[in-house]
Protein backbone atom coordinates (compact mmCIF):
# COMPACT_ATOMS: atom_id res chain seq x y z
CA MET A 1 -21.04 6.07 11.57
CA VAL A 2 -19.35 4.92 15.40
CA CYS A 3 -19.85 2.03 17.30
CA SER A 4 -18.39 0.49 19.62
CA PHE A 5 -16.93 -3.11 19.13
CA ALA A 6 -19.90 -4.64 20.40
CA ALA A 7 -21.39 -2.06 18.66
CA CYS A 8 -19.82 -3.99 15.16
CA ALA A 9 -20.67 -6.77 16.53
CA ASP A 10 -24.10 -6.50 16.68
CA ASN A 11 -24.65 -6.27 13.10
CA GLY A 12 -24.28 -9.76 12.47
CA ARG A 13 -21.20 -12.02 10.48
CA SER A 14 -21.40 -13.18 6.68
CA THR A 15 -22.45 -17.19 6.78
CA ALA A 16 -18.87 -17.62 5.94
CA ASP A 17 -17.97 -15.71 8.86
CA GLU A 18 -19.66 -18.14 10.95
CA THR A 19 -18.13 -20.55 9.70
CA THR A 20 -14.71 -19.98 9.87
CA ALA A 21 -15.97 -18.77 13.21
CA THR A 22 -17.33 -22.75 13.65
CA ALA A 23 -14.27 -24.37 12.92
CA GLN A 24 -11.80 -22.68 14.76
CA THR A 25 -9.94 -24.56 18.08
CA ASP A 26 -11.50 -23.72 21.71
CA THR A 27 -8.40 -21.21 22.08
CA ALA A 28 -8.97 -19.06 18.66
CA GLN A 29 -12.73 -18.82 20.18
CA GLU A 30 -11.09 -17.29 22.94
CA SER A 31 -8.71 -14.81 20.78
CA THR A 32 -9.05 -11.52 21.70
CA ALA A 33 -9.80 -10.68 17.68
CA PRO A 34 -13.36 -8.20 17.22
CA GLU A 35 -15.88 -9.72 16.13
CA THR A 36 -15.93 -8.10 12.61
CA ASP A 37 -14.37 -6.17 10.04
CA GLU A 38 -16.39 -3.88 9.61
CA LEU A 39 -15.15 -0.30 9.47
CA CYS A 40 -16.45 2.41 11.19
CA TRP A 41 -14.72 4.96 13.76
CA GLY A 42 -14.51 4.07 17.62
CA GLU A 43 -16.38 5.17 20.42
CA TYR A 44 -15.25 8.45 21.70
CA LYS A 45 -14.70 7.76 25.94
CA VAL A 46 -10.93 8.56 28.38
CA TYR A 47 -9.38 5.25 29.73
CA ASP A 48 -8.24 4.59 32.71
CA LEU A 49 -4.67 3.80 32.10
CA GLU A 50 -2.13 3.52 35.25
CA GLU A 51 0.97 5.78 34.65
CA ASP A 52 2.33 5.49 38.39
CA VAL A 53 3.53 1.90 37.40
CA PRO A 54 7.18 0.56 35.76
CA VAL A 55 6.90 -0.45 31.55
CA LYS A 56 6.60 -3.65 30.47
CA ASN A 57 5.09 -2.94 27.03
CA VAL A 58 5.04 -0.61 24.47
CA ILE A 59 3.01 0.19 22.08
CA LEU A 60 3.98 2.63 19.23
CA MET A 61 1.50 3.88 17.24
CA ILE A 62 2.82 5.74 13.67
CA GLY A 63 -0.35 7.89 11.89
CA ASP A 64 1.97 8.07 8.46
CA GLY A 65 2.02 11.56 7.64
CA MET A 66 -1.19 11.86 10.27
CA GLY A 67 -0.37 15.87 10.67
CA GLU A 68 -2.58 17.91 13.82
CA ASN A 69 -4.47 19.21 10.89
CA ILE A 70 -5.97 15.65 9.48
CA ILE A 71 -6.84 15.10 13.06
CA LYS A 72 -8.76 17.88 13.51
CA ALA A 73 -10.60 17.47 10.03
CA ALA A 74 -10.96 13.59 11.22
CA GLU A 75 -12.54 14.91 13.94
CA VAL A 76 -14.55 17.73 12.04
CA VAL A 77 -16.52 14.63 9.79
CA LYS A 78 -16.54 12.01 12.96
CA GLY A 79 -18.63 14.77 14.75
CA ASP A 80 -16.94 13.99 17.65
CA SER A 81 -13.56 13.89 19.06
CA LEU A 82 -11.04 11.12 17.98
CA LEU A 83 -10.01 8.17 20.94
CA MET A 84 -6.37 10.01 20.58
CA SER A 85 -7.24 13.66 21.45
CA GLY A 86 -8.38 11.81 24.82
CA LEU A 87 -4.76 10.76 25.87
CA GLU A 88 -4.31 13.52 28.86
CA ASN A 89 -0.42 13.87 27.90
CA LYS A 90 0.35 15.46 24.07
CA THR A 91 3.19 17.33 22.86
CA TYR A 92 4.32 18.44 19.36
CA VAL A 93 7.32 16.55 17.20
CA THR A 94 9.65 17.89 14.94
CA THR A 95 10.48 15.79 11.98
CA TYR A 96 13.00 16.97 10.11
CA SER A 97 15.87 14.80 8.65
CA GLN A 98 19.82 14.75 8.27
CA SER A 99 19.24 15.93 4.44
CA VAL A 100 16.52 19.13 5.46
CA THR A 101 19.55 19.75 8.11
CA ASP A 102 22.39 20.00 4.60
CA GLY A 103 20.13 21.34 2.58
CA TYR A 104 19.42 18.09 0.23
CA ALA A 105 15.57 18.23 1.34
CA GLU A 106 13.20 20.73 1.53
CA PHE A 107 11.16 17.79 3.87
CA THR A 108 11.27 14.02 5.47
CA ASP A 109 10.65 10.74 4.16
CA SER A 110 9.36 8.00 6.12
CA ALA A 111 12.44 6.38 6.26
CA ALA A 112 15.11 8.85 8.07
CA SER A 113 11.48 9.92 10.44
CA SER A 114 11.25 5.70 11.37
CA THR A 115 14.69 4.84 12.15
CA ALA A 116 15.14 8.71 13.74
CA ILE A 117 12.37 7.06 16.08
CA SER A 118 13.39 4.37 16.66
CA THR A 119 16.86 4.66 16.88
CA GLY A 120 17.72 8.66 18.06
CA TYR A 121 19.93 8.77 15.07
CA LYS A 122 19.17 11.58 12.35
CA THR A 123 19.76 10.28 9.51
CA TYR A 124 18.96 10.85 6.07
CA ASN A 125 15.95 10.19 4.01
CA GLY A 126 16.08 6.72 2.05
CA SER A 127 17.83 4.83 4.34
CA ILE A 128 16.96 2.38 6.94
CA GLY A 129 18.25 2.05 10.50
CA ILE A 130 21.65 3.41 9.89
CA ASP A 131 23.18 6.78 10.97
CA ALA A 132 24.35 9.96 8.94
CA ASP A 133 27.51 8.18 7.87
CA GLY A 134 26.27 5.29 7.90
CA ASN A 135 26.79 3.15 10.17
CA GLU A 136 24.58 0.74 11.02
CA VAL A 137 22.42 1.27 14.58
CA GLU A 138 20.43 -0.45 17.11
CA THR A 139 16.47 0.14 16.35
CA ILE A 140 14.00 0.03 18.63
CA CYS A 141 13.10 -3.28 18.16
CA GLU A 142 16.93 -4.25 18.70
CA PHE A 143 17.66 -2.82 21.85
CA ALA A 144 13.72 -4.47 22.87
CA MET A 145 14.72 -7.73 22.31
CA SER A 146 18.41 -7.29 24.05
CA GLN A 147 16.06 -6.75 27.16
CA GLY A 148 14.13 -9.54 26.50
CA MET A 149 10.69 -8.21 25.26
CA LYS A 150 9.17 -9.98 22.15
CA THR A 151 8.24 -7.71 19.36
CA GLY A 152 5.98 -7.36 16.89
CA LEU A 153 5.26 -4.84 13.54
CA VAL A 154 1.50 -4.25 12.26
CA ASP A 155 0.97 -1.95 9.09
CA ARG A 156 -1.48 -1.62 6.16
CA HIS A 157 1.75 -1.41 3.41
CA TYR A 158 4.38 -4.02 2.58
CA VAL A 159 5.82 -5.10 5.71
CA CYS A 160 9.19 -4.00 4.78
CA HIS A 161 7.85 -0.80 4.10
CA ALA A 162 9.91 2.02 5.06
CA THR A 163 8.54 1.74 8.85
CA PRO A 164 8.17 -0.52 9.95
CA ALA A 165 11.74 -1.93 8.58
CA GLY A 166 13.48 1.30 10.44
CA MET A 167 12.31 0.14 13.51
CA VAL A 168 14.31 -3.69 12.97
CA ALA A 169 16.36 -2.97 9.58
CA HIS A 170 19.69 -1.58 8.78
CA ASN A 171 19.53 -0.95 4.80
CA SER A 172 21.07 2.30 2.36
CA SER A 173 17.85 2.79 0.51
CA ARG A 174 14.45 1.86 1.89
CA GLU A 175 14.07 0.16 -1.96
CA ASN A 176 16.18 -2.89 -1.17
CA TYR A 177 12.33 -4.38 0.38
CA PRO A 178 14.14 -8.03 -0.73
CA GLN A 179 16.51 -7.38 1.30
CA ILE A 180 15.32 -5.75 4.25
CA LEU A 181 12.49 -8.59 4.62
CA ARG A 182 15.10 -10.95 4.55
CA GLY A 183 16.94 -8.52 6.96
CA MET A 184 13.93 -8.31 9.15
CA VAL A 185 13.43 -11.71 9.46
CA ASN A 186 16.94 -12.94 10.97
CA ALA A 187 16.46 -10.21 13.66
CA GLY A 188 13.19 -12.69 14.70
CA VAL A 189 10.49 -10.02 15.20
CA ASP A 190 8.63 -12.28 17.00
CA VAL A 191 4.74 -11.40 14.80
CA MET A 192 5.23 -9.17 11.52
CA PHE A 193 1.51 -8.74 10.31
CA GLY A 194 0.81 -5.78 6.67
CA GLY A 195 0.84 -6.17 2.20
CA GLY A 196 3.76 -6.89 0.03
CA ARG A 197 3.33 -10.23 -0.33
CA GLN A 198 5.32 -10.09 -3.23
CA PHE A 199 8.67 -9.73 -1.77
CA TYR A 200 8.26 -13.33 -0.40
CA THR A 201 6.68 -14.90 -3.81
CA ASN A 202 9.29 -13.09 -5.95
CA SER A 203 12.36 -14.08 -3.94
CA PRO A 204 14.14 -17.51 -2.70
CA LYS A 205 15.76 -15.84 -0.30
CA VAL A 206 13.11 -14.63 1.44
CA GLN A 207 11.57 -18.19 1.37
CA THR A 208 14.79 -19.48 2.33
CA ALA A 209 15.34 -16.61 5.70
CA VAL A 210 10.97 -17.28 6.65
CA GLU A 211 11.98 -21.41 6.45
CA ASP A 212 15.52 -21.02 8.43
CA ASN A 213 14.05 -19.22 11.15
CA ASN A 214 11.06 -21.15 11.43
CA TYR A 215 8.50 -18.22 11.27
CA THR A 216 5.02 -19.93 10.52
CA PHE A 217 3.84 -17.88 6.81
CA ILE A 218 0.30 -16.76 6.01
CA THR A 219 -1.68 -15.17 3.84
CA GLU A 220 -5.08 -14.93 4.55
CA GLU A 221 -7.36 -13.66 7.45
CA GLU A 222 -8.33 -17.49 8.53
CA GLU A 223 -5.22 -18.15 9.32
CA LEU A 224 -4.89 -15.11 11.33
CA LEU A 225 -8.08 -15.75 13.36
CA SER A 226 -6.51 -19.40 14.58
CA LEU A 227 -2.98 -18.44 15.12
CA THR A 228 -1.85 -18.87 18.93
CA ALA A 229 1.36 -18.48 20.21
CA ASP A 230 2.23 -22.31 19.55
CA ASP A 231 2.55 -21.38 16.27
CA GLY A 232 6.00 -19.07 16.95
CA LYS A 233 7.21 -16.54 15.29
CA VAL A 234 4.54 -15.01 12.48
CA LEU A 235 4.84 -13.21 8.28
CA GLY A 236 1.42 -12.60 7.22
CA MET A 237 1.12 -10.82 4.67
CA PHE A 238 -2.52 -10.58 3.09
CA ALA A 239 -1.76 -9.03 -0.31
CA TYR A 240 0.69 -8.69 -2.36
CA ASP A 241 0.64 -5.63 -3.15
CA ASN A 242 -0.65 -2.54 -0.74
CA MET A 243 -3.71 -2.43 1.26
CA ASP A 244 -4.85 0.21 0.71
CA ASP A 245 -8.68 -0.11 0.91
CA ALA A 246 -9.39 1.10 4.54
CA GLU A 247 -12.65 -1.91 4.21
CA MET A 248 -9.34 -5.06 2.78
CA THR A 249 -9.48 -8.16 5.49
CA PRO A 250 -8.23 -8.92 7.41
CA SER A 251 -8.76 -5.04 9.33
CA LEU A 252 -5.90 -2.92 11.14
CA THR A 253 -7.71 -3.66 13.90
CA THR A 254 -7.61 -7.74 13.52
CA MET A 255 -4.27 -8.07 13.64
CA THR A 256 -3.90 -5.68 15.66
CA ALA A 257 -6.16 -7.76 17.75
CA LYS A 258 -4.04 -10.71 17.23
CA ALA A 259 -0.76 -8.94 17.32
CA LEU A 260 -1.54 -7.96 21.04
CA GLU A 261 -2.44 -11.63 21.60
CA LEU A 262 0.65 -13.09 20.63
CA LEU A 263 2.96 -10.61 22.51
CA ASP A 264 1.30 -10.63 26.07
CA ASN A 265 3.68 -12.40 28.05
CA ASP A 266 4.81 -11.35 31.43
CA ASP A 267 8.69 -10.03 29.82
CA GLY A 268 6.61 -7.74 27.76
CA PHE A 269 6.76 -6.19 24.29
CA PHE A 270 7.59 -3.75 21.94
CA MET A 271 4.74 -3.32 19.24
CA MET A 272 4.48 -0.85 16.86
CA VAL A 273 1.73 0.00 14.69
CA GLU A 274 0.75 1.64 11.54
CA ALA A 275 -1.47 3.14 9.84
CA SER A 276 0.44 3.64 7.02
CA ASN A 277 -2.48 5.51 4.08
CA ILE A 278 -3.11 7.95 5.57
CA ASP A 279 0.08 9.05 3.56
CA VAL A 280 -0.66 6.97 0.32
CA PHE A 281 -4.69 9.14 -0.01
CA GLU A 282 -3.31 12.50 1.18
CA ALA A 283 0.10 12.34 -1.75
CA GLU A 284 -2.60 11.53 -4.19
CA LEU A 285 -5.03 14.95 -2.98
CA ASP A 286 -8.15 12.32 -2.14
CA MET A 287 -9.17 13.16 1.37
CA ASP A 288 -12.46 10.49 1.31
CA SER A 289 -10.21 8.10 1.20
CA THR A 290 -7.32 10.57 3.53
CA ILE A 291 -10.52 10.24 5.89
CA GLU A 292 -11.31 6.75 5.79
CA GLN A 293 -7.46 5.21 6.41
CA MET A 294 -8.24 8.45 9.94
CA GLU A 295 -11.68 5.68 11.01
CA ALA A 296 -9.44 2.50 10.41
CA PHE A 297 -7.30 4.25 12.48
CA ASP A 298 -9.36 5.31 16.05
CA ASN A 299 -10.63 2.42 15.65
CA THR A 300 -7.69 0.43 16.12
CA ILE A 301 -6.81 3.32 18.50
CA GLU A 302 -10.47 2.26 20.74
CA TYR A 303 -8.68 -1.67 20.94
CA VAL A 304 -6.10 -0.69 21.58
CA LEU A 305 -7.37 2.28 24.44
CA GLN A 306 -9.53 -1.01 26.14
CA TRP A 307 -6.50 -3.82 25.55
CA ALA A 308 -4.16 -1.09 27.63
CA GLU A 309 -6.81 -0.07 29.96
CA ASP A 310 -7.55 -4.33 31.05
CA ASN A 311 -2.61 -4.57 31.01
CA PRO A 312 -1.73 -1.78 33.01
CA GLY A 313 2.10 -1.18 32.66
CA THR A 314 1.56 -0.27 29.52
CA LEU A 315 3.03 2.79 27.34
CA ILE A 316 1.02 4.01 24.32
CA ILE A 317 2.26 6.58 22.50
CA ILE A 318 0.66 7.63 19.11
CA THR A 319 2.75 9.18 16.90
CA ALA A 320 2.87 10.56 12.92
CA ASP A 321 6.32 10.16 10.88
CA HIS A 322 6.21 13.67 9.90
CA GLU A 323 2.84 15.57 8.63
CA THR A 324 1.46 15.33 4.12
CA GLY A 325 -0.38 17.18 2.88
CA GLY A 326 0.25 20.56 3.84
CA VAL A 327 -3.74 20.18 5.14
CA MET A 328 -5.33 23.54 5.56
CA LEU A 329 -7.92 24.36 7.51
CA PRO A 330 -10.95 27.34 7.69
CA ASP A 331 -12.27 29.03 10.93
CA ASN A 332 -15.28 26.71 11.97
CA PRO A 333 -15.17 24.15 9.50
CA THR A 334 -18.33 22.00 8.82
CA VAL A 335 -17.92 18.00 7.27
CA ASP A 336 -18.28 20.57 3.96
CA ASP A 337 -15.35 22.02 4.19
CA ILE A 338 -13.11 19.00 4.36
CA ASN A 339 -12.68 18.50 0.98
CA ASN A 340 -9.73 18.02 -1.66
CA ASP A 341 -9.28 22.00 -1.12
CA LEU A 342 -7.81 21.73 2.01
CA PHE A 343 -4.64 19.86 0.36
CA THR A 344 -1.81 23.21 0.35
CA SER A 345 1.55 21.34 -1.14
CA GLY A 346 0.39 19.12 -3.62
CA GLY A 347 0.66 16.49 -1.87
CA ASP A 348 3.77 16.62 -0.46
CA HIS A 349 5.49 16.25 2.44
CA THR A 350 5.95 19.50 4.66
CA ASN A 351 7.44 19.89 7.71
CA THR A 352 5.04 21.48 9.77
CA ASN A 353 4.61 19.86 13.50
CA VAL A 354 3.13 16.68 14.40
CA LEU A 355 0.76 15.81 17.58
CA LEU A 356 2.08 13.56 20.05
CA MET A 357 0.07 11.93 22.07
CA ALA A 358 1.08 10.09 25.21
CA GLY A 359 -0.98 7.62 27.72
CA GLY A 360 -0.37 4.85 30.48
CA ALA A 361 2.31 3.68 32.17
CA GLN A 362 5.08 6.51 32.55
CA SER A 363 3.57 8.52 29.18
CA ALA A 364 3.74 11.94 31.04
CA GLY A 365 7.25 11.34 30.79
CA LEU A 366 7.78 11.83 27.34
CA CYS A 367 5.96 14.64 27.02
CA GLU A 368 7.18 17.19 29.71
CA GLU A 369 8.45 19.02 27.20
CA GLU A 370 6.20 21.92 24.85
CA LEU A 371 8.45 20.10 21.72
CA ILE A 372 10.36 18.27 21.38
CA ASP A 373 12.14 15.80 18.76
CA ASN A 374 11.10 12.09 17.01
CA THR A 375 14.79 11.74 18.44
CA ASP A 376 13.56 11.25 22.04
CA ILE A 377 10.66 9.40 21.68
CA ALA A 378 13.46 6.88 20.71
CA ASP A 379 15.70 7.88 24.00
CA TYR A 380 12.58 8.06 26.39
CA MET A 381 11.12 4.78 25.25
CA ARG A 382 14.76 2.79 26.36
CA GLU A 383 14.53 5.39 29.69
CA VAL A 384 11.69 4.05 30.84
CA ILE A 385 12.08 -0.12 29.46
CA LYS A 386 15.22 -0.12 31.31
CA ALA A 387 14.15 1.91 34.34
CA ALA A 388 11.49 -0.99 34.24
CA ARG A 389 14.23 -3.54 34.26
CA GLU A 390 16.57 -2.36 36.07
């Protein structure tokens, strides 16, 4: 099913949803959040995103494990192009980590890739926000904060999972979830939404950090929808574990919409949005669930592109941290061809270059070369943010 936000809203809402909506404050009723969490493809169109303006906001959207062929597979199922395909500027990105360079691994993991995208430094698999020598290096959130920008991280796995963690934290092991979450809170990221509530519930140190740093802590969609900028920094953990069901509420789109509402300000913001579970289901060789995750991401991208069209000065970057599954398509595939047999790597990551699509403020400069490295993304984000503030 393909539907725009307006079309989704026409399908109606439950009585409970109506009761909740009625109870919201006037401010909440004016929220930009979508009116439904229904899973549906975004309606394809090419958005008019102004390029020749300084960068005020940066929105980095990462499809975990989203190789080019899973994008093509999703388009076959959708019966149309994905929203990301409508962005004018495109290039390919290398994803290898220091572990690959030194012969310790065949491919990157999300921790090393996120660190490269965030800091501009290659590192070893499993490392968060440190270089190959173990030194802490400046993350993109830390840089954005130094420029007076707000920061936000939205994902569907743990809030402190590898990709969001690499945007702000520093740790020698991606598995140190409570430590990483505490570091993210102490860093002062303005908005963090995702799953992994266990690492708050079971860690008094995390709870203390949340309280000491004056975060509003929420666990329910109703609390999310009622948030306003007056609530200050917010940590939303909407599942004890991973929010791996694409239809679990709040949706990626709803979380992203609220984050945009809270982050929007005169000094700009950096926000990373991750479709975390594309990779999870590719690793399980589950094509149907993988395509559902792509559908949810397409819907979120539609919302973000609509927002950016109305807010010039926004740079949108859509890419992947790596490819997962070794997805291979036949010539001229049909919907019936999109099945589990397309996975060729046994669910492992691969070193296949991934697509990067960019739109909005100064987006062309990132795609001048046909192939870039993931560290170039970090360098470019810093370059355009700093240039706009000189």
